Structures are given as structure tokens and as C-alpha cells.
Amino acid sequence: MAKGLNRRAFIKMASGAAAAVSANWFLPKFSSAAVDEIRIGGLFELSGGLSTLGVVQAKGAEYAIKVINETGGAVGSKPGVLGKPVKLLVEDTESKVPSGLAKAKKLVERDKVHVLTGITMSSISIAVQEYIKEKKIPFFNTGSGNEALVTPPNCGRYFFKGLIGTPQSALAVQYPARKYGNRVYFVADDYTWGYTYVKFFKKALELMGKPEVVGEDYTPFNTDNYAPFITKAMAAKPAFLVAAVAGGYARFITQANQMGLKIPIHHPYFSKPDVKAAGDAALGLTCGGEFLIDNPKVPRAKKFAEGLKAFTGDTPGATEAHAFNGVEMICKAIQQAGGLDPDKIVEALENMVFQESVIMPGYKFRKCDHGPTVDVYVLEVIKHPEYGYDVKMVEQIKDPEVLMLPCGQTGCEEAMKKS
């Protein structure tokens, strides 16, 4: 998204026909005969309950396209991929399953994309995953950490989950339990994602001993009013509160602050747009994550952040980083596959150890379920002098795979095989 292009303008551009955001103004000068191109379909929540994440996710993917088409980026030394320009065709899922599935079908059947990427809402992803099994189109999800995506019946050969899973990021809840005590109150979204997170938060706390759960509530997705749930949480007097809310991320934090909540809050992940919207009320919030701008292990992360800020006007969070990483890995897989055969792209992703990733060196997938294996951190929200509202690493999680089913027990192994 070019600097100055706001969310409303981007949605307008993306509605109706797909938006070819790899527009000619930044494409390199390929041969005039090169009418063929590599087409990536981007499905993003540009409107609806998760638009705060979807809009910035689209920016991260678009910036990756720009870098690859201009320089090759981490994909290769020459612009584009296999001597061809890469085009990102964007569709708005509207944060709705029927719309997201319809847009995926449009991208595949009408626009003839070679690969799909994006999607934050796990319910939309699951619907698209079922569709791509039939069409055999690789789909690299860069927005959802829900472990349900890589468990039966949803897992499959052509699907890759770019974010760390619920069992990995849930381990960060051990930090506030050690710091404040094990009395915990859960507030979560009333759909699969919220229930899955609460399940794994409990498992993570049980590794430390039996937690004292003093309350557990499930809220309507993206509700405008969290006051009744916050009131109940305050009355229960927990040592800390876990808020597994996605669409209402910023509203929950803001309303809790307005109501005088003094209890520490832990969230599953860091969303820079939501934290920015909540302002100082979010300071001290803890969460799990794997992306840091100032990560000594990933010097390229700083360069990525500077480049994206020049491109969009804002420094990135994990959402943009994952979208960027996903496009780079897709393009690198196509380069390694030597073409657009979907099974060869899948094999390239399965065997890739992406040392240049802006997330973490050696980024890779488990072959048994196509979930990622990377370092996981406990993060705390701070106000950074250069990046604004951001996060610092509190500690690194020592065994991020302790709650993950080991390969051979996932139930996905058969689904990974070539048919």
C-alpha cells in the first residue's frame, strides 16, 4: 500500500475486481514479451471485525512484492522470480466465512492465481483449506495461529500455517503466573479460536502446578461492550487476567482501563494497530510472540522495519512481518521448484530452511502437519522512542514445542501425502 493510501481507499480499490497491488509503477522492466506472471492471491480482512489486522497484513504482503520485483529480496539476486514479475491480487474477506470462501474461489477460478496467502480468521481459513484440497492450490496462511488449522480434518498437503501455533504462544502465560500468582480469570472470544487458546493456556499453567481458575467467560466476537465481563473479572479478584479477544482487542483494553481495572492483563499475541489504538492503557500488557524489530539474531528485521516505514509511514508489528515473510517464502519456493507446479512448490516449502527470514533464522515447517518451528518469546508492551508502541522481549521460552503433538501423533500424516 503506497504511503498515504488509507484503509478506506485501499478497501475501495480492492472491492469489485481484485486489486493488482503490484502496480506497474514499481515493476522492474521485464521483456515486453513477458505477459505471463506469477500471481499470488491475497485474502485479507480489509473490513469487518478483524480489519485492524487485515489492513496491515496486506501492507506487509504488498511491500514484499515491491522488494522482490525491484531487487529479488531474499529470493534471488535478480528482480522478480524466474525472470517474471510477481503480482499480488487482493480480495477483502470482510471478516466473514461466506465472503472469504467466495473471494478465494474467484482468485483461483477467475483470476488463475498460483498460490494463496493471507487470512487472519481461522474460521475463514478452514473453509478455504477445504476448498484448496480439491483444487490443489498451495495456501500459505500468514495471519492465524489457531492450532485447529493443522489438526484433522483441516490439515492437508497444500496448506501451510505461517504463525506459531496456540500451543507455542500459550506458554507465555507462565510468565504472569510466576510473577503475580496462579489465580487467573479467562475472557475469550466465543468461537473456536477463543476456546482453543483457553484450553492451551490451562495446559501451560498446569505444567507449573494446578492453576486456580476463578472465572471463565466467552464474549460475542467483536462486541462493543466488554463492561459486564470486566466487572465480573474485577469482582473475582484474580492475580491476573487473560484476555483472548481478537476483534475487540483495543476496546477490551480501553474499557478495562476506563473502568479502573488494576489487574495485569495477558493477551495471546501483540497487535500493533490495536495497542496503538488503546494507547497508554496497553502499557505493561504481556503476550507471546516471535517477531522483534531489534532482534540481535535477525539483523534483517531492522532493515525490513525501516523499509516498510518508508513505504507505508509506520513501523511494523508481527502481522506485517509474517505477511512479508510468507510472500518471500512462497516466491523462494517457486524459484527452487523451477516453476509453478503446485506439488513441487509444496515440496520446496517442506524442505526449506529459510535463513533470511525477518522472523527468525532457519524458519521452517514440520513435514507432518506444516506448522512452523521457531523461537518463541514472552513480550511486554512498551513505548519505544523510535517505534512508538511496541514490545520488548522479557524472556525466551525454553521449550516452545512442549505442548505440541509430536510428529507421528498429529493425525495429519496421511493428509500430507501426494495423492
Protein backbone atom coordinates (compact mmCIF):
# COMPACT_ATOMS: atom_id res chain seq x y z
CA MET A 1 0.00 0.00 0.00
CA ALA A 2 1.62 3.20 -1.12
CA LYS A 3 2.33 5.81 1.50
CA GLY A 4 -0.73 7.94 2.02
CA LEU A 5 -3.18 5.26 0.87
CA ASN A 6 -5.52 4.88 3.82
CA ARG A 7 -7.67 1.92 4.74
CA ARG A 8 -10.84 3.31 3.14
CA ALA A 9 -9.09 3.96 -0.13
CA PHE A 10 -7.49 0.53 -0.06
CA ILE A 11 -10.84 -1.18 0.52
CA LYS A 12 -12.38 0.82 -2.31
CA MET A 13 -9.52 -0.21 -4.58
CA ALA A 14 -9.88 -3.87 -3.57
CA SER A 15 -13.65 -4.15 -3.93
CA GLY A 16 -15.36 -5.43 -7.04
CA ALA A 17 -12.38 -6.59 -9.08
CA ALA A 18 -9.22 -7.82 -7.43
CA ALA A 19 -6.63 -5.14 -6.80
CA ALA A 20 -3.36 -5.80 -8.57
CA VAL A 21 -1.26 -4.09 -5.95
CA SER A 22 1.98 -4.90 -7.68
CA ALA A 23 1.12 -2.00 -9.95
CA ASN A 24 3.26 -1.05 -12.93
CA TRP A 25 4.80 1.94 -11.16
CA PHE A 26 7.14 -0.29 -9.19
CA LEU A 27 7.52 -3.29 -11.53
CA PRO A 28 11.00 -3.77 -13.00
CA LYS A 29 11.49 -3.57 -16.77
CA PHE A 30 10.97 -7.13 -17.89
CA SER A 31 10.82 -8.15 -21.53
CA SER A 32 7.74 -6.78 -23.27
CA ALA A 33 7.02 -10.34 -24.37
CA ALA A 34 6.75 -11.50 -20.73
CA VAL A 35 2.98 -11.37 -20.48
CA ASP A 36 2.98 -14.34 -18.13
CA GLU A 37 3.45 -13.51 -14.46
CA ILE A 38 3.41 -15.19 -11.11
CA ARG A 39 0.08 -14.43 -9.46
CA ILE A 40 -0.38 -14.60 -5.69
CA GLY A 41 -3.90 -14.26 -4.35
CA GLY A 42 -4.09 -12.25 -1.13
CA LEU A 43 -7.12 -12.75 1.12
CA PHE A 44 -7.22 -10.12 3.85
CA GLU A 45 -9.78 -8.89 6.38
CA LEU A 46 -9.89 -5.34 5.00
CA SER A 47 -13.28 -4.68 6.59
CA GLY A 48 -15.26 -6.16 9.45
CA GLY A 49 -14.16 -7.34 12.87
CA LEU A 50 -10.50 -8.05 12.13
CA SER A 51 -9.75 -5.22 9.71
CA THR A 52 -7.19 -3.74 12.11
CA LEU A 53 -5.04 -6.78 11.38
CA GLY A 54 -6.11 -7.40 7.78
CA VAL A 55 -5.19 -3.96 6.51
CA VAL A 56 -1.65 -4.04 7.89
CA GLN A 57 -1.26 -7.66 6.78
CA ALA A 58 -2.00 -6.53 3.23
CA LYS A 59 0.65 -3.82 3.58
CA GLY A 60 3.28 -6.36 4.59
CA ALA A 61 2.47 -8.61 1.64
CA GLU A 62 2.47 -5.70 -0.79
CA TYR A 63 5.82 -4.47 0.46
CA ALA A 64 7.29 -7.95 -0.10
CA ILE A 65 6.05 -7.87 -3.70
CA LYS A 66 7.67 -4.49 -4.19
CA VAL A 67 11.03 -5.65 -2.82
CA ILE A 68 11.01 -8.86 -4.86
CA ASN A 69 10.06 -7.11 -8.10
CA GLU A 70 12.68 -4.40 -7.63
CA THR A 71 15.65 -6.35 -6.29
CA GLY A 72 14.75 -10.01 -5.78
CA GLY A 73 14.99 -9.56 -2.00
CA ALA A 74 15.82 -12.78 -0.19
CA VAL A 75 14.50 -14.78 -3.13
CA GLY A 76 17.35 -14.22 -5.57
CA SER A 77 19.85 -11.74 -6.97
CA LYS A 78 17.61 -10.74 -9.90
CA PRO A 79 14.29 -8.86 -9.82
CA GLY A 80 11.14 -10.96 -9.81
CA VAL A 81 11.00 -14.76 -9.71
CA LEU A 82 12.25 -16.95 -12.56
CA GLY A 83 12.58 -13.82 -14.68
CA LYS A 84 8.88 -12.99 -14.28
CA PRO A 85 7.11 -10.21 -12.39
CA VAL A 86 5.08 -11.16 -9.34
CA LYS A 87 1.58 -9.76 -8.92
CA LEU A 88 -0.47 -9.70 -5.73
CA LEU A 89 -4.22 -9.74 -6.34
CA VAL A 90 -6.07 -8.62 -3.24
CA GLU A 91 -9.57 -9.53 -2.07
CA ASP A 92 -11.41 -8.45 1.08
CA THR A 93 -12.82 -11.36 3.11
CA GLU A 94 -14.99 -8.82 5.01
CA SER A 95 -14.20 -10.93 8.12
CA LYS A 96 -16.95 -13.36 7.02
CA VAL A 97 -16.69 -17.04 6.09
CA PRO A 98 -19.04 -16.96 3.05
CA SER A 99 -17.34 -13.88 1.63
CA GLY A 100 -13.84 -15.21 2.28
CA LEU A 101 -14.60 -18.51 0.56
CA ALA A 102 -16.25 -16.79 -2.39
CA LYS A 103 -13.25 -14.49 -2.82
CA ALA A 104 -10.87 -17.46 -2.68
CA LYS A 105 -12.85 -19.17 -5.43
CA LYS A 106 -12.76 -16.00 -7.52
CA LEU A 107 -9.00 -15.70 -7.18
CA VAL A 108 -8.43 -19.34 -8.11
CA GLU A 109 -11.06 -19.88 -10.80
CA ARG A 110 -11.33 -16.47 -12.47
CA ASP A 111 -8.01 -14.78 -11.74
CA LYS A 112 -5.99 -18.00 -12.05
CA VAL A 113 -3.66 -17.32 -9.13
CA HIS A 114 -0.93 -19.85 -8.49
CA VAL A 115 -0.79 -19.55 -4.69
CA LEU A 116 -2.99 -18.09 -1.94
CA THR A 117 -1.84 -16.21 1.16
CA GLY A 118 -3.25 -14.10 3.99
CA ILE A 119 -6.33 -14.64 6.22
CA THR A 120 -6.48 -13.96 9.95
CA MET A 121 -9.81 -15.51 10.95
CA SER A 122 -9.35 -19.23 11.47
CA SER A 123 -12.98 -19.96 10.53
CA ILE A 124 -12.38 -18.42 7.09
CA SER A 125 -9.09 -20.26 6.73
CA ILE A 126 -10.73 -23.62 7.50
CA ALA A 127 -13.32 -23.05 4.77
CA VAL A 128 -10.60 -22.12 2.27
CA GLN A 129 -8.46 -25.09 3.32
CA GLU A 130 -11.28 -27.48 2.43
CA TYR A 131 -11.59 -25.82 -0.97
CA ILE A 132 -7.88 -25.94 -1.85
CA LYS A 133 -7.69 -29.65 -1.10
CA GLU A 134 -9.86 -30.16 -4.15
CA LYS A 135 -8.13 -27.54 -6.31
CA LYS A 136 -4.58 -28.41 -5.17
CA ILE A 137 -3.58 -24.75 -4.79
CA PRO A 138 -0.84 -24.04 -2.20
CA PHE A 139 -2.15 -21.78 0.58
CA PHE A 140 0.29 -20.08 2.96
CA ASN A 141 -1.72 -18.66 5.87
CA THR A 142 0.10 -15.69 7.40
CA GLY A 143 -2.48 -14.47 9.90
CA SER A 144 -3.88 -17.22 12.14
CA GLY A 145 -2.16 -19.15 14.91
CA ASN A 146 -5.15 -21.38 15.70
CA GLU A 147 -3.85 -24.93 16.10
CA ALA A 148 -7.13 -26.24 14.67
CA LEU A 149 -5.78 -25.33 11.23
CA VAL A 150 -3.14 -28.05 11.42
CA THR A 151 -5.21 -30.77 13.07
CA PRO A 152 -7.65 -33.21 11.42
CA PRO A 153 -9.78 -32.73 9.42
CA ASN A 154 -8.35 -29.34 8.41
CA CYS A 155 -4.69 -30.15 7.79
CA GLY A 156 -3.64 -31.02 4.28
CA ARG A 157 -0.78 -31.22 1.83
CA TYR A 158 -1.34 -27.82 0.21
CA PHE A 159 -1.78 -25.80 3.43
CA PHE A 160 0.98 -24.13 5.46
CA LYS A 161 0.41 -22.20 8.70
CA GLY A 162 2.87 -19.34 8.93
CA LEU A 163 2.25 -18.28 12.55
CA ILE A 164 3.35 -20.10 15.66
CA GLY A 165 0.53 -22.26 16.96
CA THR A 166 -1.65 -21.91 20.01
CA PRO A 167 0.40 -24.49 21.99
CA GLN A 168 3.57 -22.46 21.42
CA SER A 169 2.37 -18.92 22.14
CA ALA A 170 0.16 -20.06 25.06
CA LEU A 171 3.31 -20.93 27.04
CA ALA A 172 3.94 -17.20 27.57
CA VAL A 173 1.13 -17.21 30.16
CA GLN A 174 3.54 -18.87 32.58
CA TYR A 175 5.35 -15.55 32.98
CA PRO A 176 2.49 -13.58 34.63
CA ALA A 177 1.61 -16.67 36.69
CA ARG A 178 5.14 -16.75 38.10
CA LYS A 179 5.19 -13.00 38.62
CA TYR A 180 1.71 -12.38 40.06
CA GLY A 181 0.39 -15.77 41.26
CA ASN A 182 -1.72 -18.55 39.79
CA ARG A 183 -5.23 -17.08 40.36
CA VAL A 184 -6.40 -16.47 36.81
CA TYR A 185 -9.56 -15.22 35.10
CA PHE A 186 -10.19 -16.01 31.42
CA VAL A 187 -12.15 -13.83 28.99
CA ALA A 188 -12.18 -15.17 25.43
CA ASP A 189 -13.99 -14.86 22.12
CA ASP A 190 -16.93 -17.22 21.77
CA TYR A 191 -15.65 -19.22 18.81
CA THR A 192 -13.03 -21.88 18.06
CA TRP A 193 -10.03 -19.58 18.40
CA GLY A 194 -11.01 -18.38 21.89
CA TYR A 195 -11.82 -21.85 23.22
CA THR A 196 -8.62 -23.30 21.79
CA TYR A 197 -6.50 -20.63 23.43
CA VAL A 198 -8.12 -21.09 26.84
CA LYS A 199 -7.53 -24.85 26.57
CA PHE A 200 -3.83 -24.38 25.87
CA PHE A 201 -3.41 -21.58 28.43
CA LYS A 202 -4.69 -24.04 31.04
CA LYS A 203 -2.31 -26.74 29.80
CA ALA A 204 0.60 -24.29 30.01
CA LEU A 205 -0.31 -23.33 33.58
CA GLU A 206 -0.75 -26.98 34.57
CA LEU A 207 2.91 -27.56 33.71
CA MET A 208 3.64 -25.31 36.72
CA GLY A 209 1.08 -26.94 39.02
CA LYS A 210 -2.69 -26.69 39.29
CA PRO A 211 -3.90 -23.16 38.39
CA GLU A 212 -6.73 -21.55 40.37
CA VAL A 213 -9.24 -20.53 37.70
CA VAL A 214 -11.53 -18.01 39.41
CA GLY A 215 -13.62 -17.26 36.32
CA GLU A 216 -14.10 -18.10 32.65
CA ASP A 217 -16.27 -16.07 30.26
CA TYR A 218 -16.81 -16.15 26.48
CA THR A 219 -17.79 -12.92 24.78
CA PRO A 220 -19.56 -12.27 21.46
CA PHE A 221 -16.94 -11.76 18.76
CA ASN A 222 -16.11 -8.07 18.25
CA THR A 223 -18.66 -6.88 20.81
CA ASP A 224 -18.84 -3.17 21.60
CA ASN A 225 -19.39 -3.73 25.31
CA TYR A 226 -16.97 -5.71 27.47
CA ALA A 227 -18.09 -3.97 30.69
CA PRO A 228 -20.15 -6.88 32.12
CA PHE A 229 -17.24 -9.28 31.66
CA ILE A 230 -14.70 -6.84 33.10
CA THR A 231 -16.98 -6.21 36.10
CA LYS A 232 -17.17 -9.96 36.84
CA ALA A 233 -13.41 -10.28 36.47
CA MET A 234 -12.75 -7.44 38.89
CA ALA A 235 -15.13 -8.95 41.46
CA ALA A 236 -13.32 -12.31 41.28
CA LYS A 237 -10.02 -10.64 42.25
CA PRO A 238 -7.65 -12.77 40.18
CA ALA A 239 -3.88 -12.28 40.26
CA PHE A 240 -4.01 -11.62 36.52
CA LEU A 241 -6.50 -11.70 33.66
CA VAL A 242 -6.13 -13.44 30.31
CA ALA A 243 -7.99 -11.65 27.51
CA ALA A 244 -8.14 -13.88 24.42
CA VAL A 245 -10.19 -11.42 22.38
CA ALA A 246 -9.28 -10.67 18.77
CA GLY A 247 -11.76 -8.31 17.09
CA GLY A 248 -12.26 -6.30 20.29
CA TYR A 249 -8.59 -6.27 21.33
CA ALA A 250 -8.25 -2.49 21.67
CA ARG A 251 -11.78 -1.98 23.05
CA PHE A 252 -11.26 -4.52 25.81
CA ILE A 253 -8.04 -2.89 27.00
CA THR A 254 -9.51 0.63 26.72
CA GLN A 255 -12.71 -0.26 28.56
CA ALA A 256 -10.80 -2.12 31.27
CA ASN A 257 -8.66 0.96 31.83
CA GLN A 258 -11.69 3.27 31.91
CA MET A 259 -13.35 1.02 34.49
CA GLY A 260 -10.29 1.17 36.74
CA LEU A 261 -9.05 -2.38 36.27
CA LYS A 262 -5.71 -2.68 38.06
CA ILE A 263 -5.22 -6.38 37.36
CA PRO A 264 -2.37 -7.25 34.93
CA ILE A 265 -3.61 -8.39 31.51
CA HIS A 266 -2.09 -11.08 29.32
CA HIS A 267 -3.08 -11.46 25.65
CA PRO A 268 -2.26 -14.28 23.20
CA TYR A 269 -0.43 -12.00 20.75
CA PHE A 270 0.82 -8.48 20.05
CA SER A 271 -1.25 -6.44 17.59
CA LYS A 272 0.46 -3.12 16.93
CA PRO A 273 -2.66 -1.41 15.47
CA ASP A 274 -4.77 -2.45 18.47
CA VAL A 275 -2.15 -1.48 21.02
CA LYS A 276 -1.68 1.85 19.24
CA ALA A 277 -5.45 2.43 19.42
CA ALA A 278 -5.51 1.60 23.14
CA GLY A 279 -2.56 3.90 23.82
CA ASP A 280 -1.01 4.02 27.30
CA ALA A 281 -3.74 1.70 28.61
CA ALA A 282 -1.87 -1.14 26.87
CA LEU A 283 1.49 -0.48 28.52
CA GLY A 284 2.63 -3.49 30.55
CA LEU A 285 0.41 -5.92 28.65
CA THR A 286 2.20 -9.25 28.19
CA CYS A 287 1.80 -11.73 25.34
CA GLY A 288 3.53 -14.43 23.34
CA GLY A 289 5.26 -13.77 20.04
CA GLU A 290 8.22 -14.36 17.77
CA PHE A 291 8.94 -11.07 15.99
CA LEU A 292 11.10 -8.22 17.28
CA ILE A 293 12.45 -5.28 15.32
CA ASP A 294 15.59 -5.10 17.47
CA ASN A 295 16.38 -8.80 17.47
CA PRO A 296 20.14 -9.48 17.60
CA LYS A 297 19.51 -12.85 15.94
CA VAL A 298 17.76 -11.18 12.99
CA PRO A 299 19.65 -8.10 11.77
CA ARG A 300 17.45 -8.07 8.66
CA ALA A 301 14.38 -7.32 10.83
CA LYS A 302 15.62 -3.76 11.42
CA LYS A 303 16.16 -3.17 7.71
CA PHE A 304 12.70 -4.58 6.98
CA ALA A 305 11.12 -2.25 9.55
CA GLU A 306 12.89 0.79 8.12
CA GLY A 307 11.87 -0.13 4.58
CA LEU A 308 8.25 -0.74 5.46
CA LYS A 309 8.06 2.53 7.38
CA ALA A 310 9.36 4.37 4.31
CA PHE A 311 6.75 2.54 2.22
CA THR A 312 3.71 2.93 4.48
CA GLY A 313 4.60 5.60 7.03
CA ASP A 314 4.53 3.30 10.07
CA THR A 315 6.81 0.75 11.71
CA PRO A 316 5.60 -2.84 11.53
CA GLY A 317 4.40 -5.32 14.08
CA ALA A 318 4.35 -9.09 13.77
CA THR A 319 1.36 -9.00 11.39
CA GLU A 320 3.23 -7.17 8.64
CA ALA A 321 6.35 -9.23 9.28
CA HIS A 322 4.52 -12.52 8.83
CA ALA A 323 2.82 -11.33 5.65
CA PHE A 324 6.19 -10.22 4.26
CA ASN A 325 7.82 -13.49 5.31
CA GLY A 326 5.03 -15.53 3.73
CA VAL A 327 5.35 -13.87 0.33
CA GLU A 328 9.12 -14.26 0.40
CA MET A 329 8.88 -17.95 1.26
CA ILE A 330 6.27 -18.53 -1.46
CA CYS A 331 8.45 -16.84 -4.06
CA LYS A 332 11.58 -18.65 -2.87
CA ALA A 333 9.71 -21.96 -3.12
CA ILE A 334 8.62 -21.16 -6.68
CA GLN A 335 12.22 -20.25 -7.52
CA GLN A 336 13.50 -23.52 -6.03
CA ALA A 337 10.72 -25.52 -7.73
CA GLY A 338 11.75 -24.03 -11.07
CA GLY A 339 8.13 -23.34 -11.99
CA LEU A 340 4.54 -23.28 -10.83
CA ASP A 341 3.77 -26.96 -10.36
CA PRO A 342 1.83 -26.97 -7.05
CA ASP A 343 3.33 -30.22 -5.76
CA LYS A 344 6.86 -29.01 -6.44
CA ILE A 345 6.06 -25.74 -4.61
CA VAL A 346 4.78 -27.77 -1.65
CA GLU A 347 7.92 -29.92 -1.63
CA ALA A 348 10.11 -26.80 -1.76
CA LEU A 349 8.30 -25.28 1.25
CA GLU A 350 8.51 -28.56 3.15
CA ASN A 351 12.27 -28.77 2.65
CA MET A 352 13.08 -25.08 3.03
CA VAL A 353 15.14 -23.77 5.93
CA PHE A 354 14.73 -20.03 5.41
CA GLN A 355 17.82 -18.48 6.97
CA GLU A 356 16.97 -14.96 5.69
CA SER A 357 13.52 -14.79 7.35
CA VAL A 358 12.68 -11.47 9.04
CA ILE A 359 11.04 -13.56 11.79
CA MET A 360 13.85 -15.93 12.74
CA PRO A 361 16.85 -17.54 11.02
CA GLY A 362 16.15 -21.11 9.99
CA TYR A 363 12.38 -20.62 9.71
CA LYS A 364 10.91 -23.97 8.64
CA PHE A 365 7.83 -26.18 8.72
CA ARG A 366 7.21 -29.59 10.24
CA LYS A 367 6.53 -32.03 7.41
CA CYS A 368 3.98 -33.89 9.50
CA ASP A 369 1.45 -31.02 9.77
CA HIS A 370 3.01 -27.93 8.09
CA GLY A 371 3.15 -25.95 11.33
CA PRO A 372 6.22 -23.73 11.88
CA THR A 373 9.01 -24.35 14.37
CA VAL A 374 10.66 -21.12 15.56
CA ASP A 375 11.82 -19.44 18.75
CA VAL A 376 9.03 -18.03 20.94
CA TYR A 377 9.28 -15.08 23.32
CA VAL A 378 7.37 -13.56 26.21
CA LEU A 379 6.79 -9.95 25.14
CA GLU A 380 5.74 -6.84 27.05
CA VAL A 381 4.17 -3.72 25.55
CA ILE A 382 6.31 -0.60 25.89
CA LYS A 383 6.53 2.87 24.40
CA HIS A 384 9.67 2.88 22.26
CA PRO A 385 11.37 6.22 21.49
CA GLU A 386 11.71 5.30 17.80
CA TYR A 387 8.93 2.76 17.11
CA GLY A 388 6.13 4.14 19.29
CA TYR A 389 4.00 1.47 20.94
CA ASP A 390 5.97 -1.72 20.54
CA VAL A 391 7.21 -4.71 22.55
CA LYS A 392 10.35 -5.75 24.34
CA MET A 393 11.43 -9.32 24.99
CA VAL A 394 11.02 -10.32 28.62
CA GLU A 395 12.32 -13.86 28.20
CA GLN A 396 12.68 -16.62 25.64
CA ILE A 397 10.52 -19.70 26.09
CA LYS A 398 12.88 -22.62 26.65
CA ASP A 399 10.84 -25.46 25.12
CA PRO A 400 8.26 -23.96 22.72
CA GLU A 401 7.15 -27.37 21.42
CA VAL A 402 6.37 -28.99 24.79
CA LEU A 403 2.58 -28.79 24.25
CA MET A 404 2.67 -29.66 20.55
CA LEU A 405 1.73 -33.15 19.44
CA PRO A 406 4.91 -34.85 18.20
CA CYS A 407 5.10 -35.91 14.58
CA GLY A 408 3.61 -39.36 14.25
CA GLN A 409 0.75 -38.42 16.60
CA THR A 410 -0.82 -35.44 14.83
CA GLY A 411 -3.23 -37.44 12.69
CA CYS A 412 -2.21 -35.28 9.72
CA GLU A 413 0.49 -37.53 8.29
CA GLU A 414 -1.78 -39.23 5.76
CA ALA A 415 -3.21 -35.88 4.62
CA MET A 416 0.31 -34.65 3.83
CA LYS A 417 0.91 -37.32 1.22
CA LYS A 418 0.74 -36.65 -2.50
CA SER A 419 -2.47 -38.09 -3.94
